[in-house]
N, C-alpha and C. Protein backbone atom coordinates (compact mmCIF):
# COMPACT_ATOMS: atom_id res chain seq x y z
N MET A 1 84.56 79.62 110.46
CA MET A 1 83.62 79.82 109.38
C MET A 1 83.96 78.82 108.28
N ALA A 2 82.94 78.29 107.64
CA ALA A 2 83.14 77.42 106.49
C ALA A 2 83.41 78.25 105.25
N LYS A 3 84.08 77.65 104.30
CA LYS A 3 84.36 78.32 103.03
C LYS A 3 83.05 78.72 102.37
N GLN A 4 83.00 79.94 101.84
CA GLN A 4 81.83 80.42 101.13
C GLN A 4 82.11 80.33 99.64
N THR A 5 81.36 79.50 98.94
CA THR A 5 81.56 79.28 97.51
C THR A 5 80.66 80.20 96.72
N ILE A 6 81.22 80.83 95.73
CA ILE A 6 80.46 81.73 94.86
C ILE A 6 79.70 80.90 93.84
N ASN A 7 78.39 81.14 93.76
CA ASN A 7 77.55 80.46 92.78
C ASN A 7 77.70 81.20 91.45
N LEU A 8 78.34 80.54 90.49
CA LEU A 8 78.58 81.16 89.19
C LEU A 8 77.37 81.11 88.28
N GLY A 9 76.36 80.34 88.64
CA GLY A 9 75.15 80.24 87.82
C GLY A 9 75.34 79.34 86.63
N ALA A 10 74.34 79.34 85.76
CA ALA A 10 74.36 78.48 84.58
C ALA A 10 75.11 79.16 83.44
N ALA A 11 75.83 78.34 82.67
CA ALA A 11 76.53 78.85 81.48
C ALA A 11 75.50 79.14 80.40
N PRO A 12 75.68 80.04 79.52
CA PRO A 12 76.88 80.85 79.34
C PRO A 12 76.80 82.21 80.03
N ASP A 13 75.62 82.60 80.57
CA ASP A 13 75.48 83.97 81.08
C ASP A 13 75.41 84.08 82.60
N GLY A 14 75.51 82.97 83.34
CA GLY A 14 75.51 83.01 84.80
C GLY A 14 74.14 83.13 85.41
N ALA A 15 73.10 82.78 84.66
CA ALA A 15 71.73 82.89 85.17
C ALA A 15 71.58 82.08 86.45
N GLY A 16 70.97 82.69 87.48
CA GLY A 16 70.72 82.02 88.75
C GLY A 16 71.89 82.06 89.71
N GLY A 17 72.98 82.69 89.31
CA GLY A 17 74.16 82.77 90.17
C GLY A 17 74.11 83.94 91.13
N ASP A 18 75.13 84.06 91.96
CA ASP A 18 75.23 85.17 92.90
C ASP A 18 75.39 86.49 92.15
N THR A 19 74.84 87.55 92.74
CA THR A 19 75.06 88.88 92.18
C THR A 19 76.52 89.26 92.42
N ALA A 20 76.98 90.28 91.72
CA ALA A 20 78.37 90.73 91.90
C ALA A 20 78.61 91.12 93.36
N ARG A 21 77.66 91.80 93.98
CA ARG A 21 77.83 92.22 95.37
C ARG A 21 77.95 91.00 96.30
N THR A 22 77.07 90.03 96.14
CA THR A 22 77.11 88.83 96.97
C THR A 22 78.41 88.07 96.77
N ALA A 23 78.85 87.97 95.52
CA ALA A 23 80.11 87.28 95.22
C ALA A 23 81.28 87.96 95.91
N PHE A 24 81.32 89.29 95.87
CA PHE A 24 82.41 90.00 96.54
C PHE A 24 82.31 89.90 98.06
N GLU A 25 81.11 89.86 98.61
CA GLU A 25 80.96 89.66 100.05
C GLU A 25 81.52 88.30 100.47
N LYS A 26 81.23 87.27 99.67
CA LYS A 26 81.77 85.94 99.96
C LYS A 26 83.30 85.94 99.84
N THR A 27 83.80 86.60 98.81
CA THR A 27 85.26 86.68 98.63
C THR A 27 85.90 87.37 99.83
N GLN A 28 85.32 88.50 100.26
CA GLN A 28 85.86 89.23 101.40
C GLN A 28 85.84 88.38 102.66
N ALA A 29 84.77 87.64 102.89
CA ALA A 29 84.67 86.78 104.08
C ALA A 29 85.74 85.69 104.04
N ASN A 30 85.99 85.11 102.86
CA ASN A 30 87.03 84.08 102.74
C ASN A 30 88.41 84.66 103.00
N VAL A 31 88.68 85.86 102.50
CA VAL A 31 89.98 86.51 102.72
C VAL A 31 90.14 86.86 104.20
N ASP A 32 89.09 87.38 104.83
CA ASP A 32 89.16 87.70 106.26
C ASP A 32 89.49 86.46 107.09
N GLU A 33 88.95 85.31 106.69
CA GLU A 33 89.23 84.06 107.39
C GLU A 33 90.72 83.73 107.33
N LEU A 34 91.34 83.94 106.18
CA LEU A 34 92.78 83.69 106.04
C LEU A 34 93.58 84.62 106.93
N TYR A 35 93.21 85.89 106.96
CA TYR A 35 93.95 86.84 107.79
C TYR A 35 93.76 86.57 109.27
N GLY A 36 92.71 85.85 109.63
CA GLY A 36 92.49 85.48 111.02
C GLY A 36 93.54 84.51 111.54
N LEU A 37 94.31 83.89 110.66
CA LEU A 37 95.36 82.95 111.06
C LEU A 37 96.74 83.54 110.79
N ALA A 38 96.84 84.82 110.98
CA ALA A 38 98.09 85.50 110.70
C ALA A 38 99.19 85.09 111.67
N VAL A 39 100.42 85.16 111.18
CA VAL A 39 101.58 84.94 112.04
C VAL A 39 101.71 86.15 112.96
N ILE A 40 101.71 85.90 114.26
CA ILE A 40 101.82 86.97 115.25
C ILE A 40 103.28 87.22 115.61
N GLU A 41 104.04 86.14 115.70
CA GLU A 41 105.43 86.26 116.12
C GLU A 41 106.24 85.11 115.53
N ARG A 42 107.44 85.42 115.14
CA ARG A 42 108.38 84.42 114.64
C ARG A 42 109.71 84.73 115.30
N GLY A 43 110.38 83.68 115.79
CA GLY A 43 111.65 83.94 116.46
C GLY A 43 112.52 82.71 116.54
N SER A 44 113.71 82.92 117.04
CA SER A 44 114.64 81.81 117.25
C SER A 44 115.54 82.14 118.43
N ASN A 45 116.08 81.08 119.02
CA ASN A 45 117.01 81.22 120.13
C ASN A 45 117.92 79.99 120.13
N SER A 46 118.66 79.79 121.18
CA SER A 46 119.60 78.67 121.22
C SER A 46 118.90 77.31 121.21
N ASN A 47 117.58 77.28 121.46
CA ASN A 47 116.83 76.02 121.46
C ASN A 47 116.19 75.70 120.11
N GLY A 48 116.26 76.60 119.15
CA GLY A 48 115.64 76.37 117.84
C GLY A 48 114.84 77.58 117.40
N SER A 49 113.77 77.33 116.64
CA SER A 49 112.93 78.43 116.16
C SER A 49 111.47 78.13 116.46
N TYR A 50 110.64 79.18 116.39
CA TYR A 50 109.21 79.01 116.68
C TYR A 50 108.40 79.99 115.85
N VAL A 51 107.12 79.63 115.66
CA VAL A 51 106.15 80.49 114.98
C VAL A 51 104.88 80.46 115.80
N ARG A 52 104.32 81.66 116.07
CA ARG A 52 103.06 81.77 116.80
C ARG A 52 102.01 82.37 115.88
N PHE A 53 100.83 81.74 115.85
CA PHE A 53 99.73 82.20 115.01
C PHE A 53 98.66 82.87 115.87
N SER A 54 97.85 83.71 115.24
CA SER A 54 96.84 84.47 115.96
C SER A 54 95.77 83.60 116.60
N ASP A 55 95.56 82.39 116.10
CA ASP A 55 94.54 81.52 116.69
C ASP A 55 95.06 80.74 117.90
N GLY A 56 96.33 80.98 118.30
CA GLY A 56 96.91 80.31 119.46
C GLY A 56 97.81 79.13 119.12
N THR A 57 97.83 78.72 117.86
CA THR A 57 98.69 77.61 117.45
C THR A 57 100.15 78.05 117.49
N GLN A 58 101.00 77.15 117.95
CA GLN A 58 102.44 77.42 117.97
C GLN A 58 103.20 76.22 117.42
N LEU A 59 104.25 76.49 116.66
CA LEU A 59 105.14 75.47 116.12
C LEU A 59 106.55 75.75 116.62
N CYS A 60 107.25 74.72 117.06
CA CYS A 60 108.66 74.84 117.45
C CYS A 60 109.46 73.81 116.66
N MET A 61 110.63 74.22 116.18
CA MET A 61 111.50 73.34 115.40
C MET A 61 112.93 73.45 115.91
N ALA A 62 113.66 72.34 115.81
CA ALA A 62 115.07 72.34 116.19
C ALA A 62 115.79 71.25 115.40
N LYS A 63 117.09 71.39 115.31
CA LYS A 63 117.92 70.39 114.65
C LYS A 63 119.07 70.04 115.59
N VAL A 64 119.29 68.73 115.77
CA VAL A 64 120.38 68.25 116.62
C VAL A 64 121.27 67.38 115.77
N THR A 65 122.58 67.64 115.81
CA THR A 65 123.52 66.86 115.01
C THR A 65 124.60 66.27 115.89
N TRP A 66 124.84 65.00 115.71
CA TRP A 66 125.97 64.31 116.33
C TRP A 66 127.00 64.11 115.22
N THR A 67 128.18 64.67 115.38
CA THR A 67 129.24 64.50 114.40
C THR A 67 130.09 63.29 114.78
N GLN A 68 130.20 62.37 113.84
CA GLN A 68 130.97 61.14 114.04
C GLN A 68 130.57 60.41 115.33
N HIS A 69 129.24 60.19 115.46
CA HIS A 69 128.71 59.43 116.59
C HIS A 69 129.27 58.01 116.53
N SER A 70 129.79 57.52 117.63
CA SER A 70 130.41 56.20 117.69
C SER A 70 129.47 55.11 117.18
N GLY A 71 130.04 54.11 116.52
CA GLY A 71 129.26 53.00 115.99
C GLY A 71 129.24 51.82 116.93
N GLY A 72 128.82 50.66 116.41
CA GLY A 72 128.81 49.43 117.18
C GLY A 72 127.78 49.38 118.28
N GLY A 73 126.66 50.08 118.11
CA GLY A 73 125.60 50.05 119.12
C GLY A 73 125.70 51.16 120.15
N ALA A 74 126.59 52.11 119.93
CA ALA A 74 126.73 53.22 120.89
C ALA A 74 125.46 54.06 120.93
N GLN A 75 125.12 54.51 122.12
CA GLN A 75 123.90 55.27 122.34
C GLN A 75 124.23 56.53 123.11
N SER A 76 123.54 57.62 122.79
CA SER A 76 123.72 58.86 123.56
C SER A 76 122.39 59.60 123.58
N SER A 77 122.33 60.63 124.41
CA SER A 77 121.09 61.39 124.55
C SER A 77 121.40 62.87 124.69
N VAL A 78 120.37 63.66 124.44
CA VAL A 78 120.45 65.10 124.62
C VAL A 78 119.07 65.58 125.06
N SER A 79 119.05 66.57 125.92
CA SER A 79 117.79 67.16 126.35
C SER A 79 117.44 68.29 125.38
N ILE A 80 116.28 68.19 124.75
CA ILE A 80 115.84 69.23 123.82
C ILE A 80 114.77 70.07 124.52
N GLN A 81 114.96 71.36 124.52
CA GLN A 81 113.99 72.29 125.07
C GLN A 81 113.30 73.01 123.91
N ASN A 82 111.98 73.16 123.98
CA ASN A 82 111.27 73.90 122.94
C ASN A 82 111.74 75.34 122.93
N ALA A 83 111.73 75.94 121.76
CA ALA A 83 112.21 77.31 121.60
C ALA A 83 111.27 78.34 122.23
N ALA A 84 110.02 77.95 122.51
CA ALA A 84 109.06 78.84 123.15
C ALA A 84 108.15 77.99 124.03
N SER A 85 107.51 78.62 125.00
CA SER A 85 106.67 77.91 125.97
C SER A 85 105.30 77.57 125.38
N PHE A 86 104.82 76.38 125.70
CA PHE A 86 103.48 75.94 125.34
C PHE A 86 102.60 75.92 126.58
N VAL A 87 101.28 75.94 126.36
CA VAL A 87 100.32 75.67 127.42
C VAL A 87 99.47 74.49 126.97
N GLY A 88 99.12 73.61 127.88
CA GLY A 88 98.29 72.47 127.52
C GLY A 88 99.05 71.39 126.79
N GLN A 89 98.31 70.58 126.04
CA GLN A 89 98.86 69.42 125.33
C GLN A 89 99.82 69.85 124.22
N VAL A 90 100.94 69.15 124.13
CA VAL A 90 101.93 69.39 123.08
C VAL A 90 102.18 68.07 122.36
N TYR A 91 102.29 68.14 121.05
CA TYR A 91 102.60 66.96 120.24
C TYR A 91 103.97 67.17 119.62
N SER A 92 104.88 66.23 119.87
CA SER A 92 106.26 66.36 119.38
C SER A 92 106.62 65.17 118.50
N PHE A 93 107.45 65.44 117.51
CA PHE A 93 107.84 64.43 116.53
C PHE A 93 109.34 64.53 116.26
N LEU A 94 109.93 63.40 115.93
CA LEU A 94 111.34 63.34 115.54
C LEU A 94 111.43 62.80 114.12
N SER A 95 112.39 63.31 113.37
CA SER A 95 112.67 62.80 112.05
C SER A 95 114.18 62.73 111.89
N GLN A 96 114.64 61.76 111.16
CA GLN A 96 116.08 61.51 111.02
C GLN A 96 116.54 61.83 109.61
N ASP A 97 117.67 62.51 109.52
CA ASP A 97 118.30 62.77 108.23
C ASP A 97 119.62 62.01 108.22
N SER A 98 119.61 60.85 107.64
CA SER A 98 120.81 60.02 107.61
C SER A 98 120.73 59.04 106.46
N ALA A 99 121.82 58.88 105.75
CA ALA A 99 121.87 57.89 104.68
C ALA A 99 121.89 56.48 105.24
N TRP A 100 122.11 56.36 106.52
CA TRP A 100 122.23 55.06 107.18
C TRP A 100 121.02 54.78 108.04
N GLY A 101 119.84 55.12 107.58
CA GLY A 101 118.62 55.00 108.37
C GLY A 101 118.37 53.64 108.97
N GLN A 102 118.72 52.57 108.27
CA GLN A 102 118.47 51.23 108.80
C GLN A 102 119.41 50.89 109.95
N ASN A 103 120.49 51.65 110.11
CA ASN A 103 121.47 51.37 111.16
C ASN A 103 121.38 52.34 112.34
N VAL A 104 120.52 53.33 112.23
CA VAL A 104 120.41 54.35 113.26
C VAL A 104 118.98 54.38 113.77
N SER A 105 118.82 54.37 115.08
CA SER A 105 117.49 54.48 115.66
C SER A 105 117.45 55.68 116.59
N HIS A 106 116.26 56.22 116.77
CA HIS A 106 116.09 57.37 117.66
C HIS A 106 114.73 57.27 118.34
N TRP A 107 114.63 57.87 119.52
CA TRP A 107 113.39 57.89 120.27
C TRP A 107 113.47 59.00 121.31
N MET A 108 112.32 59.29 121.93
CA MET A 108 112.29 60.33 122.97
C MET A 108 111.60 59.79 124.21
N GLU A 109 111.94 60.37 125.34
CA GLU A 109 111.33 60.02 126.62
C GLU A 109 111.07 61.31 127.39
N GLY A 110 110.10 61.25 128.28
CA GLY A 110 109.83 62.39 129.16
C GLY A 110 109.29 63.60 128.43
N GLN A 111 108.56 63.38 127.35
CA GLN A 111 108.04 64.50 126.56
C GLN A 111 107.06 65.32 127.39
N SER A 112 107.23 66.64 127.36
CA SER A 112 106.36 67.56 128.09
C SER A 112 106.22 68.84 127.28
N SER A 113 105.54 69.82 127.85
CA SER A 113 105.39 71.10 127.15
C SER A 113 106.72 71.83 127.01
N ASN A 114 107.72 71.43 127.80
CA ASN A 114 109.04 72.06 127.73
C ASN A 114 109.96 71.42 126.71
N GLY A 115 109.80 70.12 126.45
CA GLY A 115 110.69 69.42 125.53
C GLY A 115 110.73 67.94 125.87
N ALA A 116 111.88 67.31 125.67
CA ALA A 116 112.04 65.88 125.95
C ALA A 116 113.51 65.52 125.93
N VAL A 117 113.80 64.31 126.36
CA VAL A 117 115.14 63.76 126.21
C VAL A 117 115.11 62.90 124.95
N VAL A 118 116.03 63.17 124.04
CA VAL A 118 116.10 62.47 122.76
C VAL A 118 117.31 61.56 122.77
N TYR A 119 117.10 60.32 122.34
CA TYR A 119 118.17 59.33 122.29
C TYR A 119 118.46 58.95 120.85
N VAL A 120 119.72 58.60 120.59
CA VAL A 120 120.11 58.09 119.28
C VAL A 120 121.04 56.90 119.51
N ARG A 121 120.92 55.90 118.63
CA ARG A 121 121.75 54.70 118.72
C ARG A 121 122.28 54.40 117.33
N ASN A 122 123.58 54.19 117.24
CA ASN A 122 124.24 53.89 115.97
C ASN A 122 124.68 52.42 115.97
N ASP A 123 123.96 51.59 115.21
CA ASP A 123 124.30 50.17 115.10
C ASP A 123 125.24 49.88 113.93
N HIS A 124 125.61 50.90 113.19
CA HIS A 124 126.58 50.71 112.11
C HIS A 124 127.96 50.47 112.73
N THR A 125 128.83 49.80 112.02
CA THR A 125 130.17 49.52 112.56
C THR A 125 131.04 50.75 112.64
N ASP A 126 130.78 51.75 111.78
CA ASP A 126 131.61 52.96 111.73
C ASP A 126 130.90 54.14 112.40
N PRO A 127 131.68 55.14 112.82
CA PRO A 127 131.08 56.37 113.31
C PRO A 127 130.31 57.05 112.17
N LEU A 128 129.19 57.70 112.51
CA LEU A 128 128.36 58.37 111.51
C LEU A 128 127.99 59.77 111.97
N ASP A 129 127.77 60.66 111.00
CA ASP A 129 127.16 61.95 111.29
C ASP A 129 125.65 61.71 111.29
N ILE A 130 124.99 62.07 112.39
CA ILE A 130 123.56 61.82 112.54
C ILE A 130 122.87 63.14 112.86
N THR A 131 121.81 63.44 112.11
CA THR A 131 121.03 64.65 112.35
C THR A 131 119.58 64.27 112.60
N LEU A 132 119.01 64.81 113.67
CA LEU A 132 117.60 64.63 113.99
C LEU A 132 116.91 65.99 113.94
N PHE A 133 115.68 65.99 113.43
CA PHE A 133 114.85 67.19 113.40
C PHE A 133 113.73 67.01 114.41
N TRP A 134 113.52 68.04 115.23
CA TRP A 134 112.52 68.04 116.30
C TRP A 134 111.42 69.02 115.91
N PHE A 135 110.17 68.59 116.04
CA PHE A 135 109.03 69.44 115.71
C PHE A 135 107.98 69.27 116.80
N SER A 136 107.51 70.38 117.36
CA SER A 136 106.44 70.35 118.36
C SER A 136 105.34 71.30 117.94
N THR A 137 104.11 70.91 118.20
CA THR A 137 102.98 71.79 117.93
C THR A 137 102.02 71.74 119.11
N GLY A 138 101.38 72.86 119.35
CA GLY A 138 100.44 72.99 120.45
C GLY A 138 99.92 74.42 120.48
N ARG A 139 99.58 74.88 121.67
CA ARG A 139 99.04 76.24 121.82
C ARG A 139 99.94 77.08 122.70
N TRP A 140 100.02 78.35 122.37
CA TRP A 140 100.82 79.26 123.19
C TRP A 140 99.93 80.09 124.11
N TYR A 141 98.62 80.10 123.90
CA TYR A 141 97.68 80.73 124.85
C TYR A 141 96.41 79.94 124.89
């Protein structure tokens, strides 16, 4: 449903605007639309956390940290599994939390509704603590 805007009418007395009943009907319809996207389930497990909405949208989040990841071009990977199952197309994103962003690169391969393999490479000369945030969105039904 599209947003229903209340016609306030002309100033100063509201001439030509919606009646009080019509205005409240529009308000109620707008509120009902918001409740239609209610959170149905929220949870977490060893793979991260997830939120499921009543319209079928699902969000999954996770954080992966490498403590003192070797420098000098060292590369490693980890398999990330979504915290809850998706159906259909899934869109996944990575974000990096590091003060050394220009020296650290990350990417994913094999992305599916289950997760992906995430890679990190440290081109800095010293070992670094590297944290990546994983976010997936799609449908749960």
